[in-house]
Amino acid sequence: MITHTFAGLGLFLTGAAFSQVLAFAIAAWREDRRRRQIDDTLGPPSPDPSDRT
């Protein structure tokens, strides 16, 4: 009985971790797609003057 409990808990935690990774991957993909869409519309951002060496 304890083995089944631990197995179920392990599967639950594995599923939760996989869901979290999947959610972060989808969020990063959407953010990248949005940034590319903005760049396509407005062009790339201008260079930062403080970056000059």
PDB file of N, CA and C in Angstrom:
ATOM      1  N   MET A   1       0.830  -1.198   0.000  1.00  0.00           N
ATOM      2  CA  MET A   1       0.000   0.000   0.000  1.00  0.00           C
ATOM      3  C   MET A   1       0.866   1.250   0.000  1.00  0.00           C
ATOM      4  N   ILE A   2       1.917   1.254   0.812  1.00  0.00           N
ATOM      5  CA  ILE A   2       2.805   2.424   0.871  1.00  0.00           C
ATOM      6  C   ILE A   2       3.505   2.610  -0.461  1.00  0.00           C
ATOM      7  N   THR A   3       3.876   1.498  -1.117  1.00  0.00           N
ATOM      8  CA  THR A   3       4.539   1.580  -2.420  1.00  0.00           C
ATOM      9  C   THR A   3       3.633   2.277  -3.428  1.00  0.00           C
ATOM     10  N   HIS A   4       2.362   1.936  -3.404  1.00  0.00           N
ATOM     11  CA  HIS A   4       1.423   2.570  -4.321  1.00  0.00           C
ATOM     12  C   HIS A   4       1.269   4.056  -4.010  1.00  0.00           C
ATOM     13  N   THR A   5       1.274   4.378  -2.756  1.00  0.00           N
ATOM     14  CA  THR A   5       1.147   5.783  -2.352  1.00  0.00           C
ATOM     15  C   THR A   5       2.341   6.595  -2.843  1.00  0.00           C
ATOM     16  N   PHE A   6       3.548   6.045  -2.621  1.00  0.00           N
ATOM     17  CA  PHE A   6       4.755   6.747  -3.073  1.00  0.00           C
ATOM     18  C   PHE A   6       4.819   6.819  -4.598  1.00  0.00           C
ATOM     19  N   ALA A   7       4.387   5.760  -5.253  1.00  0.00           N
ATOM     20  CA  ALA A   7       4.371   5.770  -6.719  1.00  0.00           C
ATOM     21  C   ALA A   7       3.399   6.832  -7.231  1.00  0.00           C
ATOM     22  N   GLY A   8       2.241   6.900  -6.634  1.00  0.00           N
ATOM     23  CA  GLY A   8       1.262   7.921  -7.035  1.00  0.00           C
ATOM     24  C   GLY A   8       1.763   9.321  -6.768  1.00  0.00           C
ATOM     25  N   LEU A   9       2.391   9.502  -5.614  1.00  0.00           N
ATOM     26  CA  LEU A   9       2.945  10.822  -5.288  1.00  0.00           C
ATOM     27  C   LEU A   9       4.055  11.193  -6.265  1.00  0.00           C
ATOM     28  N   GLY A  10       4.901  10.226  -6.599  1.00  0.00           N
ATOM     29  CA  GLY A  10       5.979  10.481  -7.563  1.00  0.00           C
ATOM     30  C   GLY A  10       5.441  10.849  -8.929  1.00  0.00           C
ATOM     31  N   LEU A  11       4.419  10.140  -9.378  1.00  0.00           N
ATOM     32  CA  LEU A  11       3.813  10.466 -10.668  1.00  0.00           C
ATOM     33  C   LEU A  11       3.161  11.851 -10.637  1.00  0.00           C
ATOM     34  N   PHE A  12       2.504  12.151  -9.527  1.00  0.00           N
ATOM     35  CA  PHE A  12       1.877  13.470  -9.405  1.00  0.00           C
ATOM     36  C   PHE A  12       2.915  14.579  -9.461  1.00  0.00           C
ATOM     37  N   LEU A  13       4.010  14.426  -8.707  1.00  0.00           N
ATOM     38  CA  LEU A  13       5.049  15.457  -8.686  1.00  0.00           C
ATOM     39  C   LEU A  13       5.755  15.560 -10.035  1.00  0.00           C
ATOM     40  N   THR A  14       5.966  14.435 -10.688  1.00  0.00           N
ATOM     41  CA  THR A  14       6.581  14.455 -12.018  1.00  0.00           C
ATOM     42  C   THR A  14       5.681  15.186 -13.004  1.00  0.00           C
ATOM     43  N   GLY A  15       4.401  14.902 -12.938  1.00  0.00           N
ATOM     44  CA  GLY A  15       3.446  15.581 -13.815  1.00  0.00           C
ATOM     45  C   GLY A  15       3.387  17.067 -13.534  1.00  0.00           C
ATOM     46  N   ALA A  16       3.438  17.435 -12.273  1.00  0.00           N
ATOM     47  CA  ALA A  16       3.402  18.853 -11.913  1.00  0.00           C
ATOM     48  C   ALA A  16       4.656  19.565 -12.407  1.00  0.00           C
ATOM     49  N   ALA A  17       5.804  18.922 -12.260  1.00  0.00           N
ATOM     50  CA  ALA A  17       7.055  19.526 -12.728  1.00  0.00           C
ATOM     51  C   ALA A  17       7.035  19.658 -14.249  1.00  0.00           C
ATOM     52  N   PHE A  18       6.552  18.627 -14.943  1.00  0.00           N
ATOM     53  CA  PHE A  18       6.471  18.692 -16.403  1.00  0.00           C
ATOM     54  C   PHE A  18       5.530  19.808 -16.840  1.00  0.00           C
ATOM     55  N   SER A  19       4.402  19.958 -16.153  1.00  0.00           N
ATOM     56  CA  SER A  19       3.450  21.015 -16.488  1.00  0.00           C
ATOM     57  C   SER A  19       4.072  22.394 -16.292  1.00  0.00           C
ATOM     58  N   GLN A  20       4.860  22.544 -15.240  1.00  0.00           N
ATOM     59  CA  GLN A  20       5.513  23.822 -14.961  1.00  0.00           C
ATOM     60  C   GLN A  20       6.525  24.147 -16.057  1.00  0.00           C
ATOM     61  N   VAL A  21       7.330  23.171 -16.441  1.00  0.00           N
ATOM     62  CA  VAL A  21       8.313  23.385 -17.515  1.00  0.00           C
ATOM     63  C   VAL A  21       7.602  23.724 -18.816  1.00  0.00           C
ATOM     64  N   LEU A  22       6.544  23.025 -19.114  1.00  0.00           N
ATOM     65  CA  LEU A  22       5.784  23.292 -20.327  1.00  0.00           C
ATOM     66  C   LEU A  22       5.189  24.697 -20.307  1.00  0.00           C
ATOM     67  N   ALA A  23       4.668  25.125 -19.168  1.00  0.00           N
ATOM     68  CA  ALA A  23       4.095  26.463 -19.061  1.00  0.00           C
ATOM     69  C   ALA A  23       5.162  27.540 -19.270  1.00  0.00           C
ATOM     70  N   PHE A  24       6.346  27.354 -18.676  1.00  0.00           N
ATOM     71  CA  PHE A  24       7.415  28.335 -18.862  1.00  0.00           C
ATOM     72  C   PHE A  24       7.890  28.358 -20.312  1.00  0.00           C
ATOM     73  N   ALA A  25       7.956  27.203 -20.961  1.00  0.00           N
ATOM     74  CA  ALA A  25       8.383  27.154 -22.355  1.00  0.00           C
ATOM     75  C   ALA A  25       7.381  27.877 -23.259  1.00  0.00           C
ATOM     76  N   ILE A  26       6.107  27.676 -23.015  1.00  0.00           N
ATOM     77  CA  ILE A  26       5.079  28.346 -23.814  1.00  0.00           C
ATOM     78  C   ILE A  26       5.130  29.854 -23.583  1.00  0.00           C
ATOM     79  N   ALA A  27       5.328  30.277 -22.343  1.00  0.00           N
ATOM     80  CA  ALA A  27       5.413  31.710 -22.048  1.00  0.00           C
ATOM     81  C   ALA A  27       6.628  32.339 -22.740  1.00  0.00           C
ATOM     82  N   ALA A  28       7.766  31.657 -22.722  1.00  0.00           N
ATOM     83  CA  ALA A  28       8.965  32.179 -23.376  1.00  0.00           C
ATOM     84  C   ALA A  28       8.768  32.241 -24.884  1.00  0.00           C
ATOM     85  N   TRP A  29       8.126  31.225 -25.452  1.00  0.00           N
ATOM     86  CA  TRP A  29       7.870  31.220 -26.892  1.00  0.00           C
ATOM     87  C   TRP A  29       6.941  32.373 -27.280  1.00  0.00           C
ATOM     88  N   ARG A  30       5.897  32.601 -26.489  1.00  0.00           N
ATOM     89  CA  ARG A  30       4.964  33.692 -26.791  1.00  0.00           C
ATOM     90  C   ARG A  30       5.632  35.053 -26.675  1.00  0.00           C
ATOM     91  N   GLU A  31       6.501  35.216 -25.656  1.00  0.00           N
ATOM     92  CA  GLU A  31       7.204  36.479 -25.487  1.00  0.00           C
ATOM     93  C   GLU A  31       8.158  36.722 -26.661  1.00  0.00           C
ATOM     94  N   ASP A  32       8.862  35.686 -27.089  1.00  0.00           N
ATOM     95  CA  ASP A  32       9.779  35.822 -28.219  1.00  0.00           C
ATOM     96  C   ASP A  32       9.013  36.152 -29.498  1.00  0.00           C
ATOM     97  N   ARG A  33       7.873  35.487 -29.688  1.00  0.00           N
ATOM     98  CA  ARG A  33       7.057  35.759 -30.874  1.00  0.00           C
ATOM     99  C   ARG A  33       6.541  37.194 -30.861  1.00  0.00           C
ATOM    100  N   ARG A  34       6.135  37.663 -29.695  1.00  0.00           N
ATOM    101  CA  ARG A  34       5.642  39.045 -29.575  1.00  0.00           C
ATOM    102  C   ARG A  34       6.758  40.044 -29.850  1.00  0.00           C
ATOM    103  N   ARG A  35       7.963  39.767 -29.332  1.00  0.00           N
ATOM    104  CA  ARG A  35       9.093  40.667 -29.560  1.00  0.00           C
ATOM    105  C   ARG A  35       9.452  40.719 -31.049  1.00  0.00           C
ATOM    106  N   ARG A  36       9.437  39.559 -31.715  1.00  0.00           N
ATOM    107  CA  ARG A  36       9.723  39.538 -33.150  1.00  0.00           C
ATOM    108  C   ARG A  36       8.658  40.289 -33.927  1.00  0.00           C
ATOM    109  N   GLN A  37       7.404  40.166 -33.492  1.00  0.00           N
ATOM    110  CA  GLN A  37       6.314  40.858 -34.171  1.00  0.00           C
ATOM    111  C   GLN A  37       6.481  42.375 -34.023  1.00  0.00           C
ATOM    112  N   ILE A  38       6.876  42.835 -32.854  1.00  0.00           N
ATOM    113  CA  ILE A  38       7.115  44.261 -32.635  1.00  0.00           C
ATOM    114  C   ILE A  38       8.291  44.740 -33.483  1.00  0.00           C
ATOM    115  N   ASP A  39       9.374  43.933 -33.520  1.00  0.00           N
ATOM    116  CA  ASP A  39      10.528  44.299 -34.337  1.00  0.00           C
ATOM    117  C   ASP A  39      10.172  44.358 -35.820  1.00  0.00           C
ATOM    118  N   ASP A  40       9.319  43.460 -36.280  1.00  0.00           N
ATOM    119  CA  ASP A  40       8.903  43.479 -37.684  1.00  0.00           C
ATOM    120  C   ASP A  40       8.078  44.723 -37.987  1.00  0.00           C
ATOM    121  N   THR A  41       7.304  45.170 -37.022  1.00  0.00           N
ATOM    122  CA  THR A  41       6.446  46.332 -37.232  1.00  0.00           C
ATOM    123  C   THR A  41       7.226  47.632 -37.120  1.00  0.00           C
ATOM    124  N   LEU A  42       8.030  47.765 -36.073  1.00  0.00           N
ATOM    125  CA  LEU A  42       8.706  49.029 -35.790  1.00  0.00           C
ATOM    126  C   LEU A  42      10.176  49.045 -36.204  1.00  0.00           C
ATOM    127  N   GLY A  43      10.719  47.913 -36.492  1.00  0.00           N
ATOM    128  CA  GLY A  43      12.143  47.829 -36.768  1.00  0.00           C
ATOM    129  C   GLY A  43      12.892  47.527 -35.483  1.00  0.00           C
ATOM    130  N   PRO A  44      14.180  47.201 -35.600  1.00  0.00           N
ATOM    131  CA  PRO A  44      14.947  46.870 -34.395  1.00  0.00           C
ATOM    132  C   PRO A  44      15.132  48.099 -33.507  1.00  0.00           C
ATOM    133  N   PRO A  45      15.348  47.898 -32.218  1.00  0.00           N
ATOM    134  CA  PRO A  45      15.526  49.045 -31.325  1.00  0.00           C
ATOM    135  C   PRO A  45      16.822  49.786 -31.658  1.00  0.00           C
ATOM    136  N   SER A  46      16.818  51.083 -31.389  1.00  0.00           N
ATOM    137  CA  SER A  46      18.013  51.879 -31.657  1.00  0.00           C
ATOM    138  C   SER A  46      19.102  51.500 -30.665  1.00  0.00           C
ATOM    139  N   PRO A  47      20.371  51.675 -31.047  1.00  0.00           N
ATOM    140  CA  PRO A  47      21.454  51.311 -30.121  1.00  0.00           C
ATOM    141  C   PRO A  47      21.475  52.228 -28.907  1.00  0.00           C
ATOM    142  N   ASP A  48      21.879  51.668 -27.801  1.00  0.00           N
ATOM    143  CA  ASP A  48      21.963  52.416 -26.552  1.00  0.00           C
ATOM    144  C   ASP A  48      23.253  53.240 -26.549  1.00  0.00           C
ATOM    145  N   PRO A  49      23.166  54.567 -26.375  1.00  0.00           N
ATOM    146  CA  PRO A  49      24.389  55.382 -26.427  1.00  0.00           C
ATOM    147  C   PRO A  49      25.385  55.051 -25.311  1.00  0.00           C
ATOM    148  N   SER A  50      24.917  54.476 -24.222  1.00  0.00           N
ATOM    149  CA  SER A  50      25.840  54.155 -23.130  1.00  0.00           C
ATOM    150  C   SER A  50      26.671  52.907 -23.431  1.00  0.00           C
ATOM    151  N   ASP A  51      26.361  52.182 -24.519  1.00  0.00           N
ATOM    152  CA  ASP A  51      27.115  50.986 -24.873  1.00  0.00           C
ATOM    153  C   ASP A  51      28.409  51.293 -25.607  1.00  0.00           C
ATOM    154  N   ARG A  52      28.621  52.533 -26.017  1.00  0.00           N
ATOM    155  CA  ARG A  52      29.830  52.877 -26.764  1.00  0.00           C
ATOM    156  C   ARG A  52      31.050  52.767 -25.865  1.00  0.00           C
ATOM    157  N   THR A  53      32.083  52.205 -26.434  1.00  0.00           N
ATOM    158  CA  THR A  53      33.328  52.072 -25.646  1.00  0.00           C
ATOM    159  C   THR A  53      34.423  52.924 -26.241  1.00  0.00           C
TER     160      THR A  53
END
